[in-house]
Amino acid sequence: MARVLLFGRLADQAGWRDRTVEAGSIADLRRALADGDAALGEALAGPGVQVAVDKAIVRGEAVLAAGTEVAFLPPMSGG
C-alpha cells in the first residue's frame, strides 16, 4: 500500500489530499487512481505534473514498496 498525497489543483479536483492505495509501481498507481476517477487520471497525466516518491522527484517509472509515500505535484508558476 502506498500513501498518496495530492497537492494544489489536483487535490481540489479529486476532493481529497491523502489516501492509501494498493499499487506496485507508479504506472499501477496512476491506473488505479484513473479507474476510480477518470478526470483525476487525466489531470495526473497532464503536462508539468511531477511525481515525488519518498520526497524525491522521480522521472519515469518506479517500484513502490509497502509504506511508500507518493506525491503528485501540479505544475508550478511564479515570477
Protein backbone atom coordinates (compact mmCIF):
# COMPACT_ATOMS: atom_id res chain seq x y z
CA MET A 1 0.00 0.00 0.00
CA ALA A 2 1.30 3.41 -0.96
CA ARG A 3 0.34 6.65 0.75
CA VAL A 4 -0.78 9.04 -1.99
CA LEU A 5 -0.66 12.80 -1.50
CA LEU A 6 -2.23 15.29 -3.90
CA PHE A 7 -1.41 18.98 -3.86
CA GLY A 8 -2.94 22.17 -5.27
CA ARG A 9 -5.49 21.85 -8.04
CA LEU A 10 -5.05 18.06 -8.11
CA ALA A 11 -6.35 17.78 -4.54
CA ASP A 12 -9.13 20.25 -5.30
CA GLN A 13 -10.20 18.23 -8.33
CA ALA A 14 -10.09 14.88 -6.50
CA GLY A 15 -11.79 16.15 -3.36
CA TRP A 16 -9.11 14.54 -1.15
CA ARG A 17 -5.45 15.16 -0.27
CA ASP A 18 -4.28 11.94 1.36
CA ARG A 19 -5.26 8.34 0.61
CA THR A 20 -3.79 4.85 0.78
CA VAL A 21 -3.82 2.88 -2.49
CA GLU A 22 -2.65 -0.63 -3.36
CA ALA A 23 -0.06 -0.36 -6.16
CA GLY A 24 3.30 -1.90 -7.02
CA SER A 25 4.53 0.85 -9.34
CA ILE A 26 3.78 4.41 -10.34
CA ALA A 27 2.05 3.12 -13.50
CA ASP A 28 -0.16 0.83 -11.38
CA LEU A 29 -0.93 3.73 -9.07
CA ARG A 30 -1.89 6.05 -11.93
CA ARG A 31 -4.14 3.30 -13.36
CA ALA A 32 -5.83 2.68 -10.00
CA LEU A 33 -6.48 6.39 -9.50
CA ALA A 34 -7.78 6.81 -13.07
CA ASP A 35 -10.08 3.78 -12.67
CA GLY A 36 -11.67 5.47 -9.66
CA ASP A 37 -11.84 8.95 -11.23
CA ALA A 38 -11.19 9.36 -14.97
CA ALA A 39 -10.87 13.16 -14.72
CA LEU A 40 -8.24 12.82 -11.99
CA GLY A 41 -6.36 10.26 -14.09
CA GLU A 42 -6.33 12.69 -16.98
CA ALA A 43 -5.12 15.52 -14.73
CA LEU A 44 -2.31 13.36 -13.29
CA ALA A 45 -1.13 12.56 -16.82
CA GLY A 46 -1.17 16.24 -17.79
CA PRO A 47 1.88 18.30 -18.72
CA GLY A 48 4.01 19.58 -15.89
CA VAL A 49 2.66 17.22 -13.20
CA GLN A 50 5.60 15.86 -11.21
CA VAL A 51 5.79 12.77 -9.03
CA ALA A 52 7.80 12.53 -5.82
CA VAL A 53 8.49 9.17 -4.22
CA ASP A 54 9.51 9.44 -0.57
CA LYS A 55 10.12 13.18 -1.10
CA ALA A 56 12.42 12.79 -4.14
CA ILE A 57 11.23 13.81 -7.63
CA VAL A 58 11.09 10.78 -9.93
CA ARG A 59 11.15 10.92 -13.69
CA GLY A 60 9.67 7.86 -15.35
CA GLU A 61 8.78 4.65 -13.56
CA ALA A 62 9.49 3.48 -10.01
CA VAL A 63 8.65 0.40 -7.98
CA LEU A 64 6.65 1.12 -4.84
CA ALA A 65 7.30 -0.77 -1.61
CA ALA A 66 4.80 -1.01 1.24
CA GLY A 67 4.53 2.30 3.04
CA THR A 68 6.00 4.34 0.19
CA GLU A 69 4.80 7.94 0.02
CA VAL A 70 3.91 9.17 -3.47
CA ALA A 71 3.08 12.83 -4.03
CA PHE A 72 1.61 14.26 -7.21
CA LEU A 73 2.62 17.90 -7.66
CA PRO A 74 0.80 20.20 -10.08
CA PRO A 75 2.74 22.48 -12.42
CA MET A 76 4.16 25.49 -10.60
CA SER A 77 4.11 29.04 -11.84
CA GLY A 78 5.67 32.12 -10.45
CA GLY A 79 7.82 35.07 -11.14
